[in-house]
Structures are given as structure tokens and as C-alpha cells.
Amino acid sequence: MYTSSMTIYIESFLLQNVLINFCLLRLVVITLKSKTNFFRLISASIVGAGFSVISAIFLSNQIILNFLKFACAIITLVIALKQSKKQFIFSIILLFLYTYALGGAIMNLTSTNYYTSFGIISASKFSLELITTLAIVVTYIYEFIAKYIKFKLKTNNLIYPITLYSKEKKIDLQAYLDTGNFLNINGEPVIIVDLKSYLKLSNKNLIDFYLSKNDEIVANTVNGSNNLKLFKIDKIEIKINKERKTYFNQYIAVSPNKFKDLNYQALLSPLNL
């Protein structure tokens, strides 16, 4: 025997189903990168919730109920997403997988089961609306994190270790390959280095840097458009995979502005590779 201590109202049941459907559709969208928008998702969620209410009130036959659930899943996906037939098949599979996974999680979070001599009593821990709303928020956080990680992985593939030598000093840096940067002097590529790294390499202070009368070069890079001071150093080594590429008597341009990403302190040109 199974009894429940919680009374469910139609409007509450409808709201819960809208939130759950929206969360499930968001998970499918994030996984498959399907084309959609908020209006399509919320419309599909409401339609799906309407099916759930009709099923709960008017249907008791399990076969018809399961058929209606499957038809409801197809209709909500058609409303919510723009996709090919192949993507649609994957969407159906993912929707049911996420449904069972999310359903189990919600049941675990929202109810406590008490075993007695006359059966099982289920009592609610938290509001289902609260749990589903938090789940939706988590999908947005997850999407943001996934995009950030993807960007970082893409960026990291374009970062190379370099070593700058000037007189008896050397400094190891991380350099980002700026594919739009073809800065050069007489065909020789120029590496752009941040100010902090240059001061450390040259043993100069900020006043010495700004008072120096060095030539300047106009640079249009991922860090913006700037007039940069030019300096010549003894040697530059670039580690590409397991090999090292060496340039002697090379010019470097020093950027007084901080780079947008702190993962690197220099900008390479495709000419360097």
C-alpha cells in the first residue's frame, strides 16, 4: 500500500509540469545545440503540461497513457526545436533519458519515505516548484560554464611557451598565436610582449620605459590598435610541440596595456610558425 500526505492542486500540478518540461527541453538544447528560443521552449512546455493534466484527470488505461506520453514528447519537440530528422531522433532519446534521470532526482529531493506496518508514507521535503526552478537555473549556469570551457580549450590550443633572452637575462612566457597579427619589420615577425614582462627582462623601471626614444610601430591585434615601442633583444625561442624554433637579434614590441586574457603575456604572429 502507498499513501501520500500531500494534496496536489491542478494549478500547482500545471506549474510544476511547465517547469519540469522547460528544464528537460533546456537540457536537450544544451546537449545537441539545437536552434530554438525562449518563446518556443515555454510554448512547448505549456503544451506538454496540458497533456499531463488531461492524462491525470481523464485517463487510467496504461497503454493509452503511454501512447499519449510518447505523442506528447514528439509534439513538444516539434514546437520547441528546429532540427533535422537525425537530430530529432537523438532529441527523443535524450528527452526520455533526462526525464527518468530528473524524475529520480526530484523524487529523492522532494520526498521522504516512512516504512510502517501498514505501508509506505511519503512526505514532502521541499517545494517541487523550488526544485524545478533551481534545476532550470543550473541549466543556464551549466551552459555558461560549457561555453567558457570550450573557449578556454580553443584558446589553449593556440598558446605556445616562449623564452626571451636579453644580455644575461631570460624570461619564460606564454604566447598566444594571434592569427590576425602579421606585424613585421622587413619581413621579420615581431612578437608583442606585455610591459610587466619586458621590464622584468630588461631590468628597467616604468619611467625609463616611457622616456626611451625607441621607434614605434602600429599594431592591430586582439589586444586592440596601439602604437608600440620597439626593442631589439638577443634571442627568442618558441617551443612548438616538441621542437624549438630560435630567432636571433629580434625585435619585440611592448604593449603598455594588459592583455585581455591572463593566460598569456605575449602575442605571436603566424609568421613565427
C-alpha atoms as a PDB file:
ATOM      1  CA  MET A   1       0.000   0.000   0.000  1.00  0.00           C
ATOM      2  CA  TYR A   2       1.225   3.532  -0.818  1.00  0.00           C
ATOM      3  CA  THR A   3      -0.284   6.716   0.598  1.00  0.00           C
ATOM      4  CA  SER A   4       0.765  10.316   0.264  1.00  0.00           C
ATOM      5  CA  SER A   5       0.440  13.152   2.763  1.00  0.00           C
ATOM      6  CA  MET A   6       0.493  15.826   0.090  1.00  0.00           C
ATOM      7  CA  THR A   7      -2.577  17.263  -1.675  1.00  0.00           C
ATOM      8  CA  ILE A   8      -1.915  18.395  -5.255  1.00  0.00           C
ATOM      9  CA  TYR A   9      -3.995  21.145  -6.880  1.00  0.00           C
ATOM     10  CA  ILE A  10      -4.485  21.405 -10.645  1.00  0.00           C
ATOM     11  CA  GLU A  11      -2.826  24.840 -10.945  1.00  0.00           C
ATOM     12  CA  SER A  12       0.146  23.643  -8.879  1.00  0.00           C
ATOM     13  CA  PHE A  13       0.389  20.445 -10.951  1.00  0.00           C
ATOM     14  CA  LEU A  14       0.288  22.501 -14.165  1.00  0.00           C
ATOM     15  CA  LEU A  15       3.007  24.911 -12.988  1.00  0.00           C
ATOM     16  CA  GLN A  16       5.216  22.034 -11.855  1.00  0.00           C
ATOM     17  CA  ASN A  17       4.902  20.323 -15.221  1.00  0.00           C
ATOM     18  CA  VAL A  18       5.649  23.524 -17.149  1.00  0.00           C
ATOM     19  CA  LEU A  19       8.843  23.997 -15.118  1.00  0.00           C
ATOM     20  CA  ILE A  20       9.882  20.348 -15.479  1.00  0.00           C
ATOM     21  CA  ASN A  21       9.230  20.359 -19.243  1.00  0.00           C
ATOM     22  CA  PHE A  22      11.179  23.593 -19.677  1.00  0.00           C
ATOM     23  CA  CYS A  23      14.119  22.137 -17.744  1.00  0.00           C
ATOM     24  CA  LEU A  24      14.093  18.929 -19.823  1.00  0.00           C
ATOM     25  CA  LEU A  25      13.951  20.846 -23.091  1.00  0.00           C
ATOM     26  CA  ARG A  26      16.805  23.101 -21.949  1.00  0.00           C
ATOM     27  CA  LEU A  27      18.934  20.021 -21.244  1.00  0.00           C
ATOM     28  CA  VAL A  28      18.232  18.666 -24.751  1.00  0.00           C
ATOM     29  CA  VAL A  29      19.074  22.049 -26.311  1.00  0.00           C
ATOM     30  CA  ILE A  30      22.361  22.322 -24.394  1.00  0.00           C
ATOM     31  CA  THR A  31      23.358  18.774 -25.333  1.00  0.00           C
ATOM     32  CA  LEU A  32      22.528  18.939 -29.056  1.00  0.00           C
ATOM     33  CA  LYS A  33      22.980  22.711 -29.619  1.00  0.00           C
ATOM     34  CA  SER A  34      19.578  22.788 -31.313  1.00  0.00           C
ATOM     35  CA  LYS A  35      18.121  26.007 -32.718  1.00  0.00           C
ATOM     36  CA  THR A  36      15.372  27.445 -30.542  1.00  0.00           C
ATOM     37  CA  ASN A  37      14.331  30.471 -28.500  1.00  0.00           C
ATOM     38  CA  PHE A  38      12.673  31.144 -25.156  1.00  0.00           C
ATOM     39  CA  PHE A  39       9.170  31.573 -26.663  1.00  0.00           C
ATOM     40  CA  ARG A  40       9.326  28.196 -28.436  1.00  0.00           C
ATOM     41  CA  LEU A  41      10.591  26.457 -25.281  1.00  0.00           C
ATOM     42  CA  ILE A  42       7.961  27.933 -22.984  1.00  0.00           C
ATOM     43  CA  SER A  43       5.172  27.244 -25.528  1.00  0.00           C
ATOM     44  CA  ALA A  44       6.230  23.614 -25.840  1.00  0.00           C
ATOM     45  CA  SER A  45       6.454  23.339 -22.043  1.00  0.00           C
ATOM     46  CA  ILE A  46       2.879  24.626 -21.628  1.00  0.00           C
ATOM     47  CA  VAL A  47       1.544  22.258 -24.305  1.00  0.00           C
ATOM     48  CA  GLY A  48       3.324  19.341 -22.645  1.00  0.00           C
ATOM     49  CA  ALA A  49       1.924  20.323 -19.244  1.00  0.00           C
ATOM     50  CA  GLY A  50      -1.573  20.476 -20.748  1.00  0.00           C
ATOM     51  CA  PHE A  51      -1.201  16.893 -21.944  1.00  0.00           C
ATOM     52  CA  SER A  52      -0.135  15.869 -18.419  1.00  0.00           C
ATOM     53  CA  VAL A  53      -3.189  17.492 -16.817  1.00  0.00           C
ATOM     54  CA  ILE A  54      -5.582  15.850 -19.323  1.00  0.00           C
ATOM     55  CA  SER A  55      -3.916  12.471 -18.763  1.00  0.00           C
ATOM     56  CA  ALA A  56      -4.104  12.780 -14.977  1.00  0.00           C
ATOM     57  CA  ILE A  57      -7.809  13.701 -14.988  1.00  0.00           C
ATOM     58  CA  PHE A  58      -9.325  11.634 -17.785  1.00  0.00           C
ATOM     59  CA  LEU A  59      -7.074   8.624 -18.473  1.00  0.00           C
ATOM     60  CA  SER A  60      -6.449   5.478 -16.457  1.00  0.00           C
ATOM     61  CA  ASN A  61      -5.625   2.947 -19.194  1.00  0.00           C
ATOM     62  CA  GLN A  62      -1.840   2.438 -19.048  1.00  0.00           C
ATOM     63  CA  ILE A  63      -1.422   1.601 -22.747  1.00  0.00           C
ATOM     64  CA  ILE A  64      -3.278   4.706 -23.899  1.00  0.00           C
ATOM     65  CA  LEU A  65      -1.414   6.765 -21.294  1.00  0.00           C
ATOM     66  CA  ASN A  66       1.996   5.627 -22.544  1.00  0.00           C
ATOM     67  CA  PHE A  67       0.999   6.254 -26.163  1.00  0.00           C
ATOM     68  CA  LEU A  68      -0.158   9.766 -25.242  1.00  0.00           C
ATOM     69  CA  LYS A  69       3.119  10.436 -23.404  1.00  0.00           C
ATOM     70  CA  PHE A  70       5.107   9.471 -26.495  1.00  0.00           C
ATOM     71  CA  ALA A  71       2.879  11.605 -28.752  1.00  0.00           C
ATOM     72  CA  CYS A  72       3.248  14.485 -26.292  1.00  0.00           C
ATOM     73  CA  ALA A  73       7.058  14.188 -26.393  1.00  0.00           C
ATOM     74  CA  ILE A  74       7.032  14.355 -30.210  1.00  0.00           C
ATOM     75  CA  ILE A  75       4.727  17.381 -30.281  1.00  0.00           C
ATOM     76  CA  THR A  76       6.705  19.326 -27.654  1.00  0.00           C
ATOM     77  CA  LEU A  77       9.977  18.701 -29.514  1.00  0.00           C
ATOM     78  CA  VAL A  78       8.438  19.800 -32.826  1.00  0.00           C
ATOM     79  CA  ILE A  79       7.212  23.017 -31.193  1.00  0.00           C
ATOM     80  CA  ALA A  80      10.415  23.681 -29.265  1.00  0.00           C
ATOM     81  CA  LEU A  81      13.247  22.879 -31.677  1.00  0.00           C
ATOM     82  CA  LYS A  82      14.328  23.428 -35.257  1.00  0.00           C
ATOM     83  CA  GLN A  83      16.238  20.305 -36.266  1.00  0.00           C
ATOM     84  CA  SER A  84      16.853  17.618 -38.853  1.00  0.00           C
ATOM     85  CA  LYS A  85      15.299  14.136 -38.734  1.00  0.00           C
ATOM     86  CA  LYS A  86      18.526  12.684 -37.354  1.00  0.00           C
ATOM     87  CA  GLN A  87      18.686  15.328 -34.621  1.00  0.00           C
ATOM     88  CA  PHE A  88      15.006  14.694 -33.856  1.00  0.00           C
ATOM     89  CA  ILE A  89      15.678  11.007 -33.163  1.00  0.00           C
ATOM     90  CA  PHE A  90      18.510  11.932 -30.790  1.00  0.00           C
ATOM     91  CA  SER A  91      16.248  14.519 -29.162  1.00  0.00           C
ATOM     92  CA  ILE A  92      13.562  11.909 -28.439  1.00  0.00           C
ATOM     93  CA  ILE A  93      16.107   9.553 -26.881  1.00  0.00           C
ATOM     94  CA  LEU A  94      17.685  12.311 -24.774  1.00  0.00           C
ATOM     95  CA  LEU A  95      14.313  13.664 -23.659  1.00  0.00           C
ATOM     96  CA  PHE A  96      13.289  10.308 -22.195  1.00  0.00           C
ATOM     97  CA  LEU A  97      16.723   9.723 -20.642  1.00  0.00           C
ATOM     98  CA  TYR A  98      16.648  13.153 -18.991  1.00  0.00           C
ATOM     99  CA  THR A  99      13.016  12.606 -17.933  1.00  0.00           C
ATOM    100  CA  TYR A 100      13.849   9.475 -15.952  1.00  0.00           C
ATOM    101  CA  ALA A 101      17.069  10.949 -14.561  1.00  0.00           C
ATOM    102  CA  LEU A 102      15.447  14.236 -13.493  1.00  0.00           C
ATOM    103  CA  GLY A 103      12.374  12.415 -12.210  1.00  0.00           C
ATOM    104  CA  GLY A 104      14.505  10.234  -9.939  1.00  0.00           C
ATOM    105  CA  ALA A 105      16.444  13.237  -8.664  1.00  0.00           C
ATOM    106  CA  ILE A 106      13.276  15.220  -7.940  1.00  0.00           C
ATOM    107  CA  MET A 107      11.657  12.280  -6.128  1.00  0.00           C
ATOM    108  CA  ASN A 108      14.761  11.907  -3.997  1.00  0.00           C
ATOM    109  CA  LEU A 109      14.916  15.613  -3.151  1.00  0.00           C
ATOM    110  CA  THR A 110      11.222  16.280  -2.648  1.00  0.00           C
ATOM    111  CA  SER A 111      10.071  13.294  -0.621  1.00  0.00           C
ATOM    112  CA  THR A 112      10.924  11.239   2.434  1.00  0.00           C
ATOM    113  CA  ASN A 113       9.561   7.716   2.700  1.00  0.00           C
ATOM    114  CA  TYR A 114       8.474   6.256   6.037  1.00  0.00           C
ATOM    115  CA  TYR A 115       8.037   2.491   6.306  1.00  0.00           C
ATOM    116  CA  THR A 116       5.261   1.450   8.682  1.00  0.00           C
ATOM    117  CA  SER A 117       3.382  -1.737   9.485  1.00  0.00           C
ATOM    118  CA  PHE A 118       0.552  -0.679   7.171  1.00  0.00           C
ATOM    119  CA  GLY A 119       2.604   0.575   4.204  1.00  0.00           C
ATOM    120  CA  ILE A 120       4.766   3.478   2.974  1.00  0.00           C
ATOM    121  CA  ILE A 121       4.013   7.116   3.772  1.00  0.00           C
ATOM    122  CA  SER A 122       5.614   9.799   1.587  1.00  0.00           C
ATOM    123  CA  ALA A 123       6.131  13.320   2.941  1.00  0.00           C
ATOM    124  CA  SER A 124       7.478  16.317   1.009  1.00  0.00           C
ATOM    125  CA  LYS A 125      10.843  17.853   1.976  1.00  0.00           C
ATOM    126  CA  PHE A 126      10.887  20.829  -0.397  1.00  0.00           C
ATOM    127  CA  SER A 127       8.560  22.579  -2.799  1.00  0.00           C
ATOM    128  CA  LEU A 128       8.653  20.907  -6.223  1.00  0.00           C
ATOM    129  CA  GLU A 129       8.390  24.350  -7.832  1.00  0.00           C
ATOM    130  CA  LEU A 130      11.545  25.419  -5.982  1.00  0.00           C
ATOM    131  CA  ILE A 131      13.470  22.300  -7.038  1.00  0.00           C
ATOM    132  CA  THR A 132      12.494  22.605 -10.714  1.00  0.00           C
ATOM    133  CA  THR A 133      13.244  26.357 -10.760  1.00  0.00           C
ATOM    134  CA  LEU A 134      16.695  25.692  -9.300  1.00  0.00           C
ATOM    135  CA  ALA A 135      17.205  22.952 -11.903  1.00  0.00           C
ATOM    136  CA  ILE A 136      16.434  25.449 -14.676  1.00  0.00           C
ATOM    137  CA  VAL A 137      18.884  27.957 -13.185  1.00  0.00           C
ATOM    138  CA  VAL A 138      21.500  25.200 -13.072  1.00  0.00           C
ATOM    139  CA  THR A 139      20.991  24.532 -16.816  1.00  0.00           C
ATOM    140  CA  TYR A 140      21.839  28.191 -17.579  1.00  0.00           C
ATOM    141  CA  ILE A 141      24.893  28.049 -15.303  1.00  0.00           C
ATOM    142  CA  TYR A 142      25.975  24.785 -16.937  1.00  0.00           C
ATOM    143  CA  GLU A 143      25.571  26.294 -20.422  1.00  0.00           C
ATOM    144  CA  PHE A 144      27.687  29.305 -19.466  1.00  0.00           C
ATOM    145  CA  ILE A 145      30.408  27.092 -17.957  1.00  0.00           C
ATOM    146  CA  ALA A 146      30.392  24.789 -21.006  1.00  0.00           C
ATOM    147  CA  LYS A 147      30.839  27.756 -23.366  1.00  0.00           C
ATOM    148  CA  TYR A 148      33.653  29.135 -21.212  1.00  0.00           C
ATOM    149  CA  ILE A 149      35.441  25.778 -21.072  1.00  0.00           C
ATOM    150  CA  LYS A 150      35.072  25.356 -24.838  1.00  0.00           C
ATOM    151  CA  PHE A 151      36.540  28.827 -25.379  1.00  0.00           C
ATOM    152  CA  LYS A 152      39.420  28.121 -22.988  1.00  0.00           C
ATOM    153  CA  LEU A 153      40.221  24.818 -24.689  1.00  0.00           C
ATOM    154  CA  LYS A 154      40.212  26.521 -28.081  1.00  0.00           C
ATOM    155  CA  THR A 155      42.403  29.344 -26.757  1.00  0.00           C
ATOM    156  CA  ASN A 156      44.825  26.998 -25.031  1.00  0.00           C
ATOM    157  CA  ASN A 157      45.462  25.195 -28.325  1.00  0.00           C
ATOM    158  CA  LEU A 158      46.885  28.479 -29.645  1.00  0.00           C
ATOM    159  CA  ILE A 159      49.210  29.126 -26.703  1.00  0.00           C
ATOM    160  CA  TYR A 160      52.928  28.356 -27.042  1.00  0.00           C
ATOM    161  CA  PRO A 161      55.743  28.542 -24.459  1.00  0.00           C
ATOM    162  CA  ILE A 162      58.438  31.060 -25.445  1.00  0.00           C
ATOM    163  CA  THR A 163      61.719  32.207 -23.890  1.00  0.00           C
ATOM    164  CA  LEU A 164      63.161  35.698 -24.367  1.00  0.00           C
ATOM    165  CA  TYR A 165      66.901  36.379 -23.945  1.00  0.00           C
ATOM    166  CA  SER A 166      68.417  39.807 -23.399  1.00  0.00           C
ATOM    167  CA  LYS A 167      72.058  40.103 -22.377  1.00  0.00           C
ATOM    168  CA  GLU A 168      72.431  37.707 -19.452  1.00  0.00           C
ATOM    169  CA  LYS A 169      68.764  37.587 -18.551  1.00  0.00           C
ATOM    170  CA  LYS A 170      66.000  35.351 -19.809  1.00  0.00           C
ATOM    171  CA  ILE A 171      62.294  35.074 -19.135  1.00  0.00           C
ATOM    172  CA  ASP A 172      59.775  32.314 -19.877  1.00  0.00           C
ATOM    173  CA  LEU A 173      56.356  33.395 -21.103  1.00  0.00           C
ATOM    174  CA  GLN A 174      53.155  32.006 -22.555  1.00  0.00           C
ATOM    175  CA  ALA A 175      52.403  33.443 -26.022  1.00  0.00           C
ATOM    176  CA  TYR A 176      49.059  33.432 -27.814  1.00  0.00           C
ATOM    177  CA  LEU A 177      49.045  32.913 -31.577  1.00  0.00           C
ATOM    178  CA  ASP A 178      47.106  35.903 -32.885  1.00  0.00           C
ATOM    179  CA  THR A 179      46.129  34.684 -36.357  1.00  0.00           C
ATOM    180  CA  GLY A 180      45.285  38.223 -37.472  1.00  0.00           C
ATOM    181  CA  ASN A 181      48.639  39.671 -36.433  1.00  0.00           C
ATOM    182  CA  PHE A 182      51.170  39.956 -39.263  1.00  0.00           C
ATOM    183  CA  LEU A 183      53.310  42.599 -37.582  1.00  0.00           C
ATOM    184  CA  ASN A 184      56.809  42.561 -39.085  1.00  0.00           C
ATOM    185  CA  ILE A 185      59.887  44.627 -39.875  1.00  0.00           C
ATOM    186  CA  ASN A 186      61.418  43.921 -43.279  1.00  0.00           C
ATOM    187  CA  GLY A 187      59.598  40.599 -43.372  1.00  0.00           C
ATOM    188  CA  GLU A 188      60.805  39.542 -39.912  1.00  0.00           C
ATOM    189  CA  PRO A 189      57.928  38.834 -37.474  1.00  0.00           C
ATOM    190  CA  VAL A 190      57.628  40.962 -34.352  1.00  0.00           C
ATOM    191  CA  ILE A 191      56.429  39.441 -31.069  1.00  0.00           C
ATOM    192  CA  ILE A 192      54.349  41.668 -28.805  1.00  0.00           C
ATOM    193  CA  VAL A 193      55.188  41.426 -25.099  1.00  0.00           C
ATOM    194  CA  ASP A 194      53.351  42.910 -22.136  1.00  0.00           C
ATOM    195  CA  LEU A 195      55.019  45.756 -20.261  1.00  0.00           C
ATOM    196  CA  LYS A 196      55.500  43.873 -16.981  1.00  0.00           C
ATOM    197  CA  SER A 197      57.414  41.066 -18.705  1.00  0.00           C
ATOM    198  CA  TYR A 198      59.607  43.491 -20.646  1.00  0.00           C
ATOM    199  CA  LEU A 199      60.536  45.462 -17.506  1.00  0.00           C
ATOM    200  CA  LYS A 200      61.497  42.236 -15.796  1.00  0.00           C
ATOM    201  CA  LEU A 201      63.621  41.137 -18.748  1.00  0.00           C
ATOM    202  CA  SER A 202      65.365  44.477 -19.233  1.00  0.00           C
ATOM    203  CA  ASN A 203      65.767  45.492 -15.554  1.00  0.00           C
ATOM    204  CA  LYS A 204      64.198  48.852 -16.393  1.00  0.00           C
ATOM    205  CA  ASN A 205      61.566  50.758 -14.495  1.00  0.00           C
ATOM    206  CA  LEU A 206      58.381  52.360 -15.789  1.00  0.00           C
ATOM    207  CA  ILE A 207      59.940  55.839 -16.086  1.00  0.00           C
ATOM    208  CA  ASP A 208      62.841  54.514 -18.168  1.00  0.00           C
ATOM    209  CA  PHE A 209      60.394  52.794 -20.482  1.00  0.00           C
ATOM    210  CA  TYR A 210      58.288  55.879 -21.185  1.00  0.00           C
ATOM    211  CA  LEU A 211      61.317  58.174 -21.521  1.00  0.00           C
ATOM    212  CA  SER A 212      63.019  55.901 -24.059  1.00  0.00           C
ATOM    213  CA  LYS A 213      63.166  57.308 -27.613  1.00  0.00           C
ATOM    214  CA  ASN A 214      62.740  53.978 -29.397  1.00  0.00           C
ATOM    215  CA  ASP A 215      60.959  53.661 -32.718  1.00  0.00           C
ATOM    216  CA  GLU A 216      57.287  52.768 -32.635  1.00  0.00           C
ATOM    217  CA  ILE A 217      55.127  50.505 -34.743  1.00  0.00           C
ATOM    218  CA  VAL A 218      51.343  50.490 -35.244  1.00  0.00           C
ATOM    219  CA  ALA A 219      49.831  47.177 -34.154  1.00  0.00           C
ATOM    220  CA  ASN A 220      46.313  45.918 -34.802  1.00  0.00           C
ATOM    221  CA  THR A 221      45.865  42.802 -32.665  1.00  0.00           C
ATOM    222  CA  VAL A 222      43.373  41.025 -30.435  1.00  0.00           C
ATOM    223  CA  ASN A 223      44.503  43.490 -27.775  1.00  0.00           C
ATOM    224  CA  GLY A 224      43.389  46.490 -29.869  1.00  0.00           C
ATOM    225  CA  SER A 225      45.119  49.067 -32.039  1.00  0.00           C
ATOM    226  CA  ASN A 226      48.144  50.768 -30.456  1.00  0.00           C
ATOM    227  CA  ASN A 227      51.440  52.483 -31.156  1.00  0.00           C
ATOM    228  CA  LEU A 228      54.006  50.194 -29.544  1.00  0.00           C
ATOM    229  CA  LYS A 229      57.652  50.875 -28.709  1.00  0.00           C
ATOM    230  CA  LEU A 230      60.180  48.609 -30.411  1.00  0.00           C
ATOM    231  CA  PHE A 231      63.152  46.977 -28.698  1.00  0.00           C
ATOM    232  CA  LYS A 232      65.738  44.529 -30.006  1.00  0.00           C
ATOM    233  CA  ILE A 233      66.694  41.525 -27.874  1.00  0.00           C
ATOM    234  CA  ASP A 234      69.330  38.821 -28.325  1.00  0.00           C
ATOM    235  CA  LYS A 235      67.207  35.764 -28.896  1.00  0.00           C
ATOM    236  CA  ILE A 236      63.711  34.320 -28.893  1.00  0.00           C
ATOM    237  CA  GLU A 237      62.910  30.621 -28.560  1.00  0.00           C
ATOM    238  CA  ILE A 238      59.450  29.262 -29.376  1.00  0.00           C
ATOM    239  CA  LYS A 239      58.505  25.740 -28.352  1.00  0.00           C
ATOM    240  CA  ILE A 240      56.252  24.175 -30.984  1.00  0.00           C
ATOM    241  CA  ASN A 241      55.152  20.700 -29.890  1.00  0.00           C
ATOM    242  CA  LYS A 242      58.485  19.052 -29.038  1.00  0.00           C
ATOM    243  CA  GLU A 243      60.634  21.269 -31.221  1.00  0.00           C
ATOM    244  CA  ARG A 244      62.204  24.677 -30.567  1.00  0.00           C
ATOM    245  CA  LYS A 245      62.359  27.453 -33.115  1.00  0.00           C
ATOM    246  CA  THR A 246      65.017  30.111 -32.495  1.00  0.00           C
ATOM    247  CA  TYR A 247      65.223  33.700 -33.747  1.00  0.00           C
ATOM    248  CA  PHE A 248      68.347  35.862 -33.152  1.00  0.00           C
ATOM    249  CA  ASN A 249      68.542  39.670 -32.875  1.00  0.00           C
ATOM    250  CA  GLN A 250      64.798  40.007 -32.903  1.00  0.00           C
ATOM    251  CA  TYR A 251      62.555  42.994 -32.426  1.00  0.00           C
ATOM    252  CA  ILE A 252      59.823  42.876 -29.838  1.00  0.00           C
ATOM    253  CA  ALA A 253      57.010  45.393 -29.441  1.00  0.00           C
ATOM    254  CA  VAL A 254      55.977  46.255 -25.887  1.00  0.00           C
ATOM    255  CA  SER A 255      52.317  46.753 -25.073  1.00  0.00           C
ATOM    256  CA  PRO A 256      51.639  49.140 -22.154  1.00  0.00           C
ATOM    257  CA  ASN A 257      48.115  47.694 -21.858  1.00  0.00           C
ATOM    258  CA  LYS A 258      47.320  44.451 -20.089  1.00  0.00           C
ATOM    259  CA  PHE A 259      46.257  41.574 -22.300  1.00  0.00           C
ATOM    260  CA  LYS A 260      42.598  40.640 -22.178  1.00  0.00           C
ATOM    261  CA  ASP A 261      43.410  37.092 -21.107  1.00  0.00           C
ATOM    262  CA  LEU A 262      45.811  36.471 -18.223  1.00  0.00           C
ATOM    263  CA  ASN A 263      46.772  33.058 -19.605  1.00  0.00           C
ATOM    264  CA  TYR A 264      49.404  34.636 -21.837  1.00  0.00           C
ATOM    265  CA  GLN A 265      51.891  37.508 -21.699  1.00  0.00           C
ATOM    266  CA  ALA A 266      52.862  37.784 -25.376  1.00  0.00           C
ATOM    267  CA  LEU A 267      51.348  37.671 -28.847  1.00  0.00           C
ATOM    268  CA  LEU A 268      52.832  35.618 -31.668  1.00  0.00           C
ATOM    269  CA  SER A 269      52.391  36.191 -35.371  1.00  0.00           C
ATOM    270  CA  PRO A 270      51.611  33.345 -37.801  1.00  0.00           C
ATOM    271  CA  LEU A 271      54.931  34.379 -39.406  1.00  0.00           C
ATOM    272  CA  ASN A 272      56.679  32.991 -36.313  1.00  0.00           C
ATOM    273  CA  LEU A 273      55.449  29.494 -37.078  1.00  0.00           C
END
